[in-house]
Amino acid sequence: MWWVKLIILVLLVAAVVALARALMSLVRGEGKDGKTMRALAWRVGFSAAVFLFILLSMMMGWIQPHDVNPGQRYGEPIEQSAE
């Protein structure tokens, strides 16, 4: 499902762009106009959308979550290699 990854990537890029816009409006002194807060609100919205879309994608079966160590089950000791 390449389109799921594309949507997630677009939302993450939008969040970074909104954060950059907030920084630029803060540096330029446009914070009193509310531009900084509006840009930060957009960033929070994009981040929440990414989180909710990932949850929806997992529930619909479009993506499969995996562990850091897929061969290990919960509670089993980690095998150490003797080197």
C-alpha atoms as a PDB file:
ATOM      1  CA  MET A   1       0.000   0.000   0.000  1.00  0.00           C
ATOM      2  CA  TRP A   2       2.269   2.723  -1.278  1.00  0.00           C
ATOM      3  CA  TRP A   3      -0.499   5.328  -1.147  1.00  0.00           C
ATOM      4  CA  VAL A   4      -0.771   5.019   2.650  1.00  0.00           C
ATOM      5  CA  LYS A   5       2.919   5.860   2.998  1.00  0.00           C
ATOM      6  CA  LEU A   6       2.487   8.758   0.556  1.00  0.00           C
ATOM      7  CA  ILE A   7      -0.402  10.232   2.578  1.00  0.00           C
ATOM      8  CA  ILE A   8       1.580   9.911   5.812  1.00  0.00           C
ATOM      9  CA  LEU A   9       4.620  11.529   4.196  1.00  0.00           C
ATOM     10  CA  VAL A  10       2.557  14.425   2.811  1.00  0.00           C
ATOM     11  CA  LEU A  11       0.974  15.069   6.221  1.00  0.00           C
ATOM     12  CA  LEU A  12       4.377  14.995   7.944  1.00  0.00           C
ATOM     13  CA  VAL A  13       5.845  17.410   5.387  1.00  0.00           C
ATOM     14  CA  ALA A  14       2.827  19.698   5.887  1.00  0.00           C
ATOM     15  CA  ALA A  15       3.448  19.651   9.651  1.00  0.00           C
ATOM     16  CA  VAL A  16       7.099  20.614   9.127  1.00  0.00           C
ATOM     17  CA  VAL A  17       6.114  23.404   6.710  1.00  0.00           C
ATOM     18  CA  ALA A  18       3.588  24.750   9.229  1.00  0.00           C
ATOM     19  CA  LEU A  19       6.279  24.682  11.912  1.00  0.00           C
ATOM     20  CA  ALA A  20       8.660  26.583   9.617  1.00  0.00           C
ATOM     21  CA  ARG A  21       5.951  29.159   8.892  1.00  0.00           C
ATOM     22  CA  ALA A  22       5.400  29.627  12.615  1.00  0.00           C
ATOM     23  CA  LEU A  23       9.130  30.151  13.115  1.00  0.00           C
ATOM     24  CA  MET A  24       9.308  32.692  10.296  1.00  0.00           C
ATOM     25  CA  SER A  25       6.333  34.669  11.595  1.00  0.00           C
ATOM     26  CA  LEU A  26       7.848  34.633  15.084  1.00  0.00           C
ATOM     27  CA  VAL A  27      11.211  35.864  13.793  1.00  0.00           C
ATOM     28  CA  ARG A  28       9.563  38.604  11.733  1.00  0.00           C
ATOM     29  CA  GLY A  29       7.604  39.807  14.755  1.00  0.00           C
ATOM     30  CA  GLU A  30       4.181  38.922  13.359  1.00  0.00           C
ATOM     31  CA  GLY A  31       3.260  37.051  16.534  1.00  0.00           C
ATOM     32  CA  LYS A  32       0.870  39.767  17.668  1.00  0.00           C
ATOM     33  CA  ASP A  33      -1.234  39.249  14.530  1.00  0.00           C
ATOM     34  CA  GLY A  34      -1.880  35.645  15.526  1.00  0.00           C
ATOM     35  CA  LYS A  35       0.000  34.152  12.566  1.00  0.00           C
ATOM     36  CA  THR A  36       2.363  32.195  14.806  1.00  0.00           C
ATOM     37  CA  MET A  37      -0.459  30.629  16.804  1.00  0.00           C
ATOM     38  CA  ARG A  38      -2.417  29.831  13.658  1.00  0.00           C
ATOM     39  CA  ALA A  39       0.596  28.095  12.087  1.00  0.00           C
ATOM     40  CA  LEU A  40       1.242  26.130  15.288  1.00  0.00           C
ATOM     41  CA  ALA A  41      -2.415  25.121  15.403  1.00  0.00           C
ATOM     42  CA  TRP A  42      -2.105  23.809  11.831  1.00  0.00           C
ATOM     43  CA  ARG A  43       0.996  21.864  12.837  1.00  0.00           C
ATOM     44  CA  VAL A  44      -0.835  20.235  15.738  1.00  0.00           C
ATOM     45  CA  GLY A  45      -3.733  19.435  13.407  1.00  0.00           C
ATOM     46  CA  PHE A  46      -1.461  17.797  10.837  1.00  0.00           C
ATOM     47  CA  SER A  47       0.301  15.786  13.540  1.00  0.00           C
ATOM     48  CA  ALA A  48      -3.025  14.591  14.945  1.00  0.00           C
ATOM     49  CA  ALA A  49      -4.148  13.679  11.426  1.00  0.00           C
ATOM     50  CA  VAL A  50      -1.006  11.574  10.938  1.00  0.00           C
ATOM     51  CA  PHE A  51      -1.625   9.742  14.214  1.00  0.00           C
ATOM     52  CA  LEU A  52      -5.304   9.106  13.454  1.00  0.00           C
ATOM     53  CA  PHE A  53      -4.555   8.023   9.879  1.00  0.00           C
ATOM     54  CA  ILE A  54      -1.956   5.521  11.118  1.00  0.00           C
ATOM     55  CA  LEU A  55      -4.491   4.106  13.590  1.00  0.00           C
ATOM     56  CA  LEU A  56      -7.147   3.892  10.865  1.00  0.00           C
ATOM     57  CA  SER A  57      -4.690   2.226   8.499  1.00  0.00           C
ATOM     58  CA  MET A  58      -3.820  -0.408  11.102  1.00  0.00           C
ATOM     59  CA  MET A  59      -7.502  -1.103  11.855  1.00  0.00           C
ATOM     60  CA  MET A  60      -8.344  -1.409   8.148  1.00  0.00           C
ATOM     61  CA  GLY A  61      -5.389  -3.732   7.573  1.00  0.00           C
ATOM     62  CA  TRP A  62      -3.621  -1.420   5.126  1.00  0.00           C
ATOM     63  CA  ILE A  63      -0.436  -1.492   7.214  1.00  0.00           C
ATOM     64  CA  GLN A  64       0.835  -4.056   9.705  1.00  0.00           C
ATOM     65  CA  PRO A  65       2.610  -2.979  12.893  1.00  0.00           C
ATOM     66  CA  HIS A  66       5.776  -4.827  13.800  1.00  0.00           C
ATOM     67  CA  ASP A  67       8.058  -5.128  16.793  1.00  0.00           C
ATOM     68  CA  VAL A  68      11.613  -3.940  17.022  1.00  0.00           C
ATOM     69  CA  ASN A  69      12.671  -7.592  17.278  1.00  0.00           C
ATOM     70  CA  PRO A  70      10.004  -9.586  15.404  1.00  0.00           C
ATOM     71  CA  GLY A  71      11.561 -12.956  16.312  1.00  0.00           C
ATOM     72  CA  GLN A  72      11.158 -12.364  20.037  1.00  0.00           C
ATOM     73  CA  ARG A  73       7.856 -12.826  21.849  1.00  0.00           C
ATOM     74  CA  TYR A  74       6.845 -10.698  24.791  1.00  0.00           C
ATOM     75  CA  GLY A  75       8.438 -11.884  27.999  1.00  0.00           C
ATOM     76  CA  GLU A  76      11.028 -14.164  26.414  1.00  0.00           C
ATOM     77  CA  PRO A  77      14.665 -13.462  27.198  1.00  0.00           C
ATOM     78  CA  ILE A  78      16.808 -11.986  24.445  1.00  0.00           C
ATOM     79  CA  GLU A  79      19.332 -14.448  23.065  1.00  0.00           C
ATOM     80  CA  GLN A  80      22.901 -13.210  23.342  1.00  0.00           C
ATOM     81  CA  SER A  81      25.460 -14.250  20.770  1.00  0.00           C
ATOM     82  CA  ALA A  82      28.799 -15.366  22.229  1.00  0.00           C
ATOM     83  CA  GLU A  83      31.446 -13.445  20.312  1.00  0.00           C
END
